[in-house]
Amino acid sequence: MKKNFLLAMILFAFYSVNAQNTKTNEDPSERKNEIKLNLIAPLSGAVEAGFERYLNKNSSLGISVFMVYDNTKEDDLNYFISPYYRYYFGKKYASGFFAEGFGMFTSIDGKKIYAADNIAFTEGKNVYDLALGAGLGWKLVTKKGFVFEANAAYGRLVFNADKTDHNQVIKLGLSMGYRF
């Protein structure tokens, strides 16, 4: 009896939450949350996923996570976590052309030192740093809530650029997702 009552309570709670979240006249393009996956990240041996929350028609806050799974590529980046703010200039709800400001916590391999026989050794294990930057992009939202996005951003490492082989970061994205 207790199991049936507990099951009924869980189903009731799920139905109540679901009923509150679905409005009959709601336009899918005006929903407040979005998840997306970068389709070009696997070309560099990585995966990138993001979440974005819309504050109003023109602005949003989001976060993206980039993780390298194939260390045989030439890139020194291990992963990054990047929160961002976007301002949309389009006429539709949070779509069209946008500008973005971002921060980025990165893990990068240390400087490479070359021995006499041209074998590269990495100085130190990982270098952790913070980068700040800006970017531009374009977002298209369908009536069903599917999202297509292209963006490019550039930033500079703030603290430990001297311990790596570079002092800048570039974010490129061609993403597909869903707004809910």
C-alpha atoms as a PDB file:
ATOM      1  CA  MET A   1       0.000   0.000   0.000  1.00  0.00           C
ATOM      2  CA  LYS A   2       2.821   2.395   0.865  1.00  0.00           C
ATOM      3  CA  LYS A   3       4.506   1.738  -2.505  1.00  0.00           C
ATOM      4  CA  ASN A   4       1.286   2.497  -4.403  1.00  0.00           C
ATOM      5  CA  PHE A   5       0.752   5.693  -2.428  1.00  0.00           C
ATOM      6  CA  LEU A   6       4.374   6.785  -3.027  1.00  0.00           C
ATOM      7  CA  LEU A   7       4.065   6.018  -6.741  1.00  0.00           C
ATOM      8  CA  ALA A   8       0.807   8.002  -6.928  1.00  0.00           C
ATOM      9  CA  MET A   9       2.442  10.990  -5.170  1.00  0.00           C
ATOM     10  CA  ILE A  10       5.448  10.943  -7.542  1.00  0.00           C
ATOM     11  CA  LEU A  11       3.181  10.776 -10.598  1.00  0.00           C
ATOM     12  CA  PHE A  12       1.009  13.599  -9.237  1.00  0.00           C
ATOM     13  CA  ALA A  13       4.064  15.768  -8.559  1.00  0.00           C
ATOM     14  CA  PHE A  14       5.461  15.075 -12.032  1.00  0.00           C
ATOM     15  CA  TYR A  15       2.098  15.875 -13.646  1.00  0.00           C
ATOM     16  CA  SER A  16       1.760  19.105 -11.628  1.00  0.00           C
ATOM     17  CA  VAL A  17       5.236  20.332 -12.557  1.00  0.00           C
ATOM     18  CA  ASN A  18       4.722  19.366 -16.181  1.00  0.00           C
ATOM     19  CA  ALA A  19       1.338  21.106 -16.317  1.00  0.00           C
ATOM     20  CA  GLN A  20       2.839  24.321 -14.930  1.00  0.00           C
ATOM     21  CA  ASN A  21       5.669  24.298 -17.481  1.00  0.00           C
ATOM     22  CA  THR A  22       3.466  23.871 -20.563  1.00  0.00           C
ATOM     23  CA  LYS A  23       1.340  26.812 -21.561  1.00  0.00           C
ATOM     24  CA  THR A  24      -1.177  26.337 -24.344  1.00  0.00           C
ATOM     25  CA  ASN A  25      -0.271  29.564 -26.182  1.00  0.00           C
ATOM     26  CA  GLU A  26       3.483  29.428 -25.554  1.00  0.00           C
ATOM     27  CA  ASP A  27       5.706  30.010 -28.563  1.00  0.00           C
ATOM     28  CA  PRO A  28       8.600  27.480 -28.474  1.00  0.00           C
ATOM     29  CA  SER A  29      11.023  30.189 -29.595  1.00  0.00           C
ATOM     30  CA  GLU A  30      10.249  32.174 -26.412  1.00  0.00           C
ATOM     31  CA  ARG A  31      11.115  29.443 -23.938  1.00  0.00           C
ATOM     32  CA  LYS A  32      13.701  30.372 -21.308  1.00  0.00           C
ATOM     33  CA  ASN A  33      16.296  27.548 -21.464  1.00  0.00           C
ATOM     34  CA  GLU A  34      18.459  26.086 -24.177  1.00  0.00           C
ATOM     35  CA  ILE A  35      20.947  23.245 -24.513  1.00  0.00           C
ATOM     36  CA  LYS A  36      23.292  22.860 -27.462  1.00  0.00           C
ATOM     37  CA  LEU A  37      26.163  20.822 -28.833  1.00  0.00           C
ATOM     38  CA  ASN A  38      29.035  22.200 -30.917  1.00  0.00           C
ATOM     39  CA  LEU A  39      29.196  20.223 -34.156  1.00  0.00           C
ATOM     40  CA  ILE A  40      32.753  21.240 -35.128  1.00  0.00           C
ATOM     41  CA  ALA A  41      34.422  20.426 -31.781  1.00  0.00           C
ATOM     42  CA  PRO A  42      34.937  16.730 -32.732  1.00  0.00           C
ATOM     43  CA  LEU A  43      37.194  17.897 -35.580  1.00  0.00           C
ATOM     44  CA  SER A  44      39.709  18.933 -32.910  1.00  0.00           C
ATOM     45  CA  GLY A  45      39.234  15.747 -30.882  1.00  0.00           C
ATOM     46  CA  ALA A  46      36.907  17.318 -28.323  1.00  0.00           C
ATOM     47  CA  VAL A  47      33.310  17.700 -27.286  1.00  0.00           C
ATOM     48  CA  GLU A  48      31.601  20.971 -26.336  1.00  0.00           C
ATOM     49  CA  ALA A  49      28.165  21.338 -24.776  1.00  0.00           C
ATOM     50  CA  GLY A  50      26.406  24.450 -23.539  1.00  0.00           C
ATOM     51  CA  PHE A  51      23.437  25.701 -21.566  1.00  0.00           C
ATOM     52  CA  GLU A  52      21.864  29.144 -21.949  1.00  0.00           C
ATOM     53  CA  ARG A  53      19.189  30.858 -19.848  1.00  0.00           C
ATOM     54  CA  TYR A  54      17.307  33.846 -21.288  1.00  0.00           C
ATOM     55  CA  LEU A  55      16.815  36.820 -19.024  1.00  0.00           C
ATOM     56  CA  ASN A  56      14.577  38.723 -21.453  1.00  0.00           C
ATOM     57  CA  LYS A  57      14.068  39.271 -25.187  1.00  0.00           C
ATOM     58  CA  ASN A  58      17.558  40.671 -25.720  1.00  0.00           C
ATOM     59  CA  SER A  59      19.892  39.104 -23.171  1.00  0.00           C
ATOM     60  CA  SER A  60      20.994  35.785 -21.737  1.00  0.00           C
ATOM     61  CA  LEU A  61      23.524  34.107 -19.482  1.00  0.00           C
ATOM     62  CA  GLY A  62      25.135  30.826 -20.390  1.00  0.00           C
ATOM     63  CA  ILE A  63      27.945  28.393 -19.801  1.00  0.00           C
ATOM     64  CA  SER A  64      29.827  26.069 -22.119  1.00  0.00           C
ATOM     65  CA  VAL A  65      32.157  23.185 -21.322  1.00  0.00           C
ATOM     66  CA  PHE A  66      34.821  21.985 -23.754  1.00  0.00           C
ATOM     67  CA  MET A  67      36.712  18.735 -23.060  1.00  0.00           C
ATOM     68  CA  VAL A  68      39.425  17.131 -25.191  1.00  0.00           C
ATOM     69  CA  TYR A  69      39.133  13.358 -25.582  1.00  0.00           C
ATOM     70  CA  ASP A  70      41.832  12.858 -28.246  1.00  0.00           C
ATOM     71  CA  ASN A  71      45.225  14.024 -26.975  1.00  0.00           C
ATOM     72  CA  THR A  72      47.007  13.058 -30.213  1.00  0.00           C
ATOM     73  CA  LYS A  73      45.996  16.373 -31.809  1.00  0.00           C
ATOM     74  CA  GLU A  74      48.473  19.273 -31.799  1.00  0.00           C
ATOM     75  CA  ASP A  75      46.329  21.527 -29.587  1.00  0.00           C
ATOM     76  CA  ASP A  76      47.621  22.130 -26.044  1.00  0.00           C
ATOM     77  CA  LEU A  77      44.168  22.764 -24.551  1.00  0.00           C
ATOM     78  CA  ASN A  78      42.831  20.130 -22.143  1.00  0.00           C
ATOM     79  CA  TYR A  79      39.468  21.686 -21.244  1.00  0.00           C
ATOM     80  CA  PHE A  80      37.704  24.961 -20.557  1.00  0.00           C
ATOM     81  CA  ILE A  81      34.648  26.129 -18.688  1.00  0.00           C
ATOM     82  CA  SER A  82      33.307  29.375 -20.081  1.00  0.00           C
ATOM     83  CA  PRO A  83      30.446  31.453 -18.622  1.00  0.00           C
ATOM     84  CA  TYR A  84      29.164  34.195 -20.927  1.00  0.00           C
ATOM     85  CA  TYR A  85      26.690  37.031 -21.334  1.00  0.00           C
ATOM     86  CA  ARG A  86      24.999  37.665 -24.678  1.00  0.00           C
ATOM     87  CA  TYR A  87      23.056  40.594 -26.030  1.00  0.00           C
ATOM     88  CA  TYR A  88      20.768  39.889 -29.007  1.00  0.00           C
ATOM     89  CA  PHE A  89      20.010  42.501 -31.646  1.00  0.00           C
ATOM     90  CA  GLY A  90      17.368  40.505 -33.581  1.00  0.00           C
ATOM     91  CA  LYS A  91      13.677  41.353 -33.738  1.00  0.00           C
ATOM     92  CA  LYS A  92      12.574  37.887 -32.589  1.00  0.00           C
ATOM     93  CA  TYR A  93      12.962  36.619 -29.029  1.00  0.00           C
ATOM     94  CA  ALA A  94      16.676  36.005 -28.301  1.00  0.00           C
ATOM     95  CA  SER A  95      17.696  35.292 -31.864  1.00  0.00           C
ATOM     96  CA  GLY A  96      19.534  36.857 -34.772  1.00  0.00           C
ATOM     97  CA  PHE A  97      22.856  38.667 -34.466  1.00  0.00           C
ATOM     98  CA  PHE A  98      24.439  38.770 -30.986  1.00  0.00           C
ATOM     99  CA  ALA A  99      27.515  40.070 -29.175  1.00  0.00           C
ATOM    100  CA  GLU A 100      29.046  38.157 -26.291  1.00  0.00           C
ATOM    101  CA  GLY A 101      31.420  38.797 -23.434  1.00  0.00           C
ATOM    102  CA  PHE A 102      32.962  35.763 -21.773  1.00  0.00           C
ATOM    103  CA  GLY A 103      35.284  34.511 -19.101  1.00  0.00           C
ATOM    104  CA  MET A 104      37.076  31.214 -19.418  1.00  0.00           C
ATOM    105  CA  PHE A 105      38.756  28.935 -16.902  1.00  0.00           C
ATOM    106  CA  THR A 106      41.288  26.868 -18.869  1.00  0.00           C
ATOM    107  CA  SER A 107      43.619  23.919 -18.419  1.00  0.00           C
ATOM    108  CA  ILE A 108      46.502  24.080 -20.895  1.00  0.00           C
ATOM    109  CA  ASP A 109      49.653  21.988 -21.258  1.00  0.00           C
ATOM    110  CA  GLY A 110      52.802  23.790 -20.138  1.00  0.00           C
ATOM    111  CA  LYS A 111      55.534  25.086 -22.471  1.00  0.00           C
ATOM    112  CA  LYS A 112      57.169  22.549 -24.723  1.00  0.00           C
ATOM    113  CA  ILE A 113      60.931  22.248 -24.504  1.00  0.00           C
ATOM    114  CA  TYR A 114      62.741  20.595 -27.398  1.00  0.00           C
ATOM    115  CA  ALA A 115      65.727  18.342 -26.727  1.00  0.00           C
ATOM    116  CA  ALA A 116      68.690  17.942 -29.098  1.00  0.00           C
ATOM    117  CA  ASP A 117      66.967  15.070 -30.921  1.00  0.00           C
ATOM    118  CA  ASN A 118      63.790  17.177 -31.564  1.00  0.00           C
ATOM    119  CA  ILE A 119      61.707  15.306 -28.988  1.00  0.00           C
ATOM    120  CA  ALA A 120      59.317  17.663 -27.203  1.00  0.00           C
ATOM    121  CA  PHE A 121      59.001  17.631 -23.424  1.00  0.00           C
ATOM    122  CA  THR A 122      56.326  19.545 -21.561  1.00  0.00           C
ATOM    123  CA  GLU A 123      57.491  21.811 -18.743  1.00  0.00           C
ATOM    124  CA  GLY A 124      55.136  21.133 -15.859  1.00  0.00           C
ATOM    125  CA  LYS A 125      51.902  19.197 -16.082  1.00  0.00           C
ATOM    126  CA  ASN A 126      49.010  21.611 -16.621  1.00  0.00           C
ATOM    127  CA  VAL A 127      48.714  25.360 -16.473  1.00  0.00           C
ATOM    128  CA  TYR A 128      45.421  26.733 -15.173  1.00  0.00           C
ATOM    129  CA  ASP A 129      44.445  30.220 -16.211  1.00  0.00           C
ATOM    130  CA  LEU A 130      41.612  32.653 -16.681  1.00  0.00           C
ATOM    131  CA  ALA A 131      40.880  34.268 -20.020  1.00  0.00           C
ATOM    132  CA  LEU A 132      38.616  37.209 -20.823  1.00  0.00           C
ATOM    133  CA  GLY A 133      37.247  37.974 -24.267  1.00  0.00           C
ATOM    134  CA  ALA A 134      34.441  38.934 -26.620  1.00  0.00           C
ATOM    135  CA  GLY A 135      32.716  37.427 -29.613  1.00  0.00           C
ATOM    136  CA  LEU A 136      30.018  37.723 -32.251  1.00  0.00           C
ATOM    137  CA  GLY A 137      27.502  35.282 -33.630  1.00  0.00           C
ATOM    138  CA  TRP A 138      24.164  34.514 -35.213  1.00  0.00           C
ATOM    139  CA  LYS A 139      21.308  32.353 -33.886  1.00  0.00           C
ATOM    140  CA  LEU A 140      18.306  30.921 -35.719  1.00  0.00           C
ATOM    141  CA  VAL A 141      15.375  29.430 -33.781  1.00  0.00           C
ATOM    142  CA  THR A 142      12.695  27.336 -35.493  1.00  0.00           C
ATOM    143  CA  LYS A 143       9.027  27.262 -34.530  1.00  0.00           C
ATOM    144  CA  LYS A 144       9.546  23.787 -33.034  1.00  0.00           C
ATOM    145  CA  GLY A 145      12.274  25.121 -30.710  1.00  0.00           C
ATOM    146  CA  PHE A 146      15.341  23.805 -32.541  1.00  0.00           C
ATOM    147  CA  VAL A 147      18.337  26.134 -32.474  1.00  0.00           C
ATOM    148  CA  PHE A 148      21.152  26.654 -34.976  1.00  0.00           C
ATOM    149  CA  GLU A 149      24.045  28.903 -34.013  1.00  0.00           C
ATOM    150  CA  ALA A 150      27.348  30.095 -35.466  1.00  0.00           C
ATOM    151  CA  ASN A 151      29.799  32.099 -33.362  1.00  0.00           C
ATOM    152  CA  ALA A 152      33.434  33.152 -33.082  1.00  0.00           C
ATOM    153  CA  ALA A 153      35.156  34.701 -30.064  1.00  0.00           C
ATOM    154  CA  TYR A 154      38.648  35.830 -29.112  1.00  0.00           C
ATOM    155  CA  GLY A 155      40.188  36.241 -25.670  1.00  0.00           C
ATOM    156  CA  ARG A 156      43.496  36.659 -23.857  1.00  0.00           C
ATOM    157  CA  LEU A 157      44.960  34.685 -20.978  1.00  0.00           C
ATOM    158  CA  VAL A 158      45.219  36.861 -17.862  1.00  0.00           C
ATOM    159  CA  PHE A 159      47.621  35.292 -15.366  1.00  0.00           C
ATOM    160  CA  ASN A 160      49.807  32.438 -16.638  1.00  0.00           C
ATOM    161  CA  ALA A 161      50.349  33.171 -20.329  1.00  0.00           C
ATOM    162  CA  ASP A 162      54.139  33.065 -19.829  1.00  0.00           C
ATOM    163  CA  LYS A 163      53.913  29.389 -18.761  1.00  0.00           C
ATOM    164  CA  THR A 164      52.255  28.253 -22.019  1.00  0.00           C
ATOM    165  CA  ASP A 165      53.080  28.376 -25.715  1.00  0.00           C
ATOM    166  CA  HIS A 166      50.399  30.964 -26.412  1.00  0.00           C
ATOM    167  CA  ASN A 167      48.606  33.850 -24.693  1.00  0.00           C
ATOM    168  CA  GLN A 168      45.244  33.827 -26.461  1.00  0.00           C
ATOM    169  CA  VAL A 169      42.143  31.678 -26.790  1.00  0.00           C
ATOM    170  CA  ILE A 170      39.725  31.327 -29.672  1.00  0.00           C
ATOM    171  CA  LYS A 171      36.196  29.929 -29.439  1.00  0.00           C
ATOM    172  CA  LEU A 172      34.591  28.743 -32.680  1.00  0.00           C
ATOM    173  CA  GLY A 173      31.177  27.191 -32.809  1.00  0.00           C
ATOM    174  CA  LEU A 174      28.681  25.768 -35.216  1.00  0.00           C
ATOM    175  CA  SER A 175      26.084  24.452 -32.809  1.00  0.00           C
ATOM    176  CA  MET A 176      22.720  22.763 -32.842  1.00  0.00           C
ATOM    177  CA  GLY A 177      20.390  22.543 -29.879  1.00  0.00           C
ATOM    178  CA  TYR A 178      16.916  22.742 -28.430  1.00  0.00           C
ATOM    179  CA  ARG A 179      15.099  25.495 -26.559  1.00  0.00           C
ATOM    180  CA  PHE A 180      12.815  24.358 -23.713  1.00  0.00           C
END
